[in-house]
């Protein structure tokens, strides 16, 4: 079975998409690095807010209410699309 190769997205497009997800309440799947370099996958999380000046977005887990703040620059993949700067 052949895997579909998804096109890469620029970081600014990802930030715009995350801001749109705040409005539409769309669930996202993100692969990011924590500040210490540990990879983390957030699958099925809601985007609750964004701050373009700080370059961050807040995610909320709809199942248990946990909130995480991520740095946009550390996003490596969104919904299966690689992200470039």
Protein backbone atom coordinates (compact mmCIF):
# COMPACT_ATOMS: atom_id res chain seq x y z
CA UNK A 1 0.00 0.00 0.00
CA UNK A 2 1.41 3.37 -1.01
CA UNK A 3 1.59 6.18 1.55
CA UNK A 4 0.37 9.61 0.53
CA UNK A 5 3.08 12.27 0.82
CA UNK A 6 1.59 15.46 2.22
CA UNK A 7 2.96 18.84 1.20
CA UNK A 8 4.99 20.91 3.64
CA UNK A 9 3.50 24.05 5.19
CA UNK A 10 5.25 27.28 6.07
CA UNK A 11 5.20 28.31 9.74
CA UNK A 12 3.10 31.45 9.02
CA UNK A 13 0.47 29.29 7.28
CA UNK A 14 0.45 26.97 10.29
CA UNK A 15 -0.06 29.94 12.63
CA UNK A 16 -2.98 31.16 10.49
CA UNK A 17 -4.46 27.65 10.44
CA UNK A 18 -4.16 27.36 14.24
CA UNK A 19 -5.92 30.72 14.63
CA UNK A 20 -8.69 29.48 12.33
CA UNK A 21 -8.95 26.31 14.46
CA UNK A 22 -9.67 28.51 17.49
CA UNK A 23 -12.74 29.87 15.70
CA UNK A 24 -13.94 26.57 14.20
CA UNK A 25 -13.00 24.41 17.23
CA UNK A 26 -11.31 21.89 14.93
CA UNK A 27 -9.19 19.21 16.61
CA UNK A 28 -5.53 19.14 15.57
CA UNK A 29 -2.68 16.65 15.65
CA UNK A 30 0.69 18.29 16.35
CA UNK A 31 4.20 16.91 16.65
CA UNK A 32 6.31 19.39 18.65
CA UNK A 33 9.50 19.52 20.67
CA UNK A 34 9.45 20.57 24.30
CA UNK A 35 12.01 23.11 25.53
CA UNK A 36 14.32 20.28 26.64
CA UNK A 37 14.17 18.66 23.16
CA UNK A 38 11.76 15.86 24.03
CA UNK A 39 9.32 15.09 21.19
CA UNK A 40 5.62 15.22 22.08
CA UNK A 41 2.52 14.41 20.01
CA UNK A 42 -0.74 16.21 20.77
CA UNK A 43 -3.43 14.19 18.97
CA UNK A 44 -7.03 15.42 19.05
CA UNK A 45 -6.39 18.64 21.01
CA UNK A 46 -8.29 21.93 20.66
CA UNK A 47 -6.47 25.20 20.04
CA UNK A 48 -7.74 27.53 22.77
CA UNK A 49 -5.72 30.71 22.09
CA UNK A 50 -2.75 32.15 20.25
CA UNK A 51 -0.25 34.95 20.73
CA UNK A 52 1.56 36.04 17.57
CA UNK A 53 3.83 38.46 19.41
CA UNK A 54 5.10 35.74 21.76
CA UNK A 55 4.91 33.10 19.02
CA UNK A 56 2.87 30.65 21.10
CA UNK A 57 -0.46 28.83 21.06
CA UNK A 58 -2.35 27.16 23.88
CA UNK A 59 -3.85 23.71 23.40
CA UNK A 60 -6.58 22.10 25.48
CA UNK A 61 -7.29 18.40 25.75
CA UNK A 62 -11.07 18.02 25.33
CA UNK A 63 -11.11 14.75 27.30
CA UNK A 64 -9.56 15.91 30.58
CA UNK A 65 -9.15 19.70 30.28
CA UNK A 66 -5.34 19.76 30.44
CA UNK A 67 -3.80 22.90 28.93
CA UNK A 68 -0.40 23.11 27.25
CA UNK A 69 1.38 26.13 25.79
CA UNK A 70 3.63 25.44 22.82
CA UNK A 71 6.13 27.61 21.00
CA UNK A 72 5.14 27.85 17.33
CA UNK A 73 8.76 27.59 16.20
CA UNK A 74 8.96 24.08 17.73
CA UNK A 75 6.09 22.65 15.64
CA UNK A 76 7.47 20.03 13.26
CA UNK A 77 4.23 18.55 11.94
CA UNK A 78 0.54 19.49 11.89
CA UNK A 79 -2.16 17.02 10.84
CA UNK A 80 0.51 14.96 9.06
CA UNK A 81 2.00 17.91 7.12
CA UNK A 82 5.66 18.75 7.79
CA UNK A 83 6.35 22.36 8.80
CA UNK A 84 9.23 24.51 7.56
CA UNK A 85 10.45 27.95 8.58
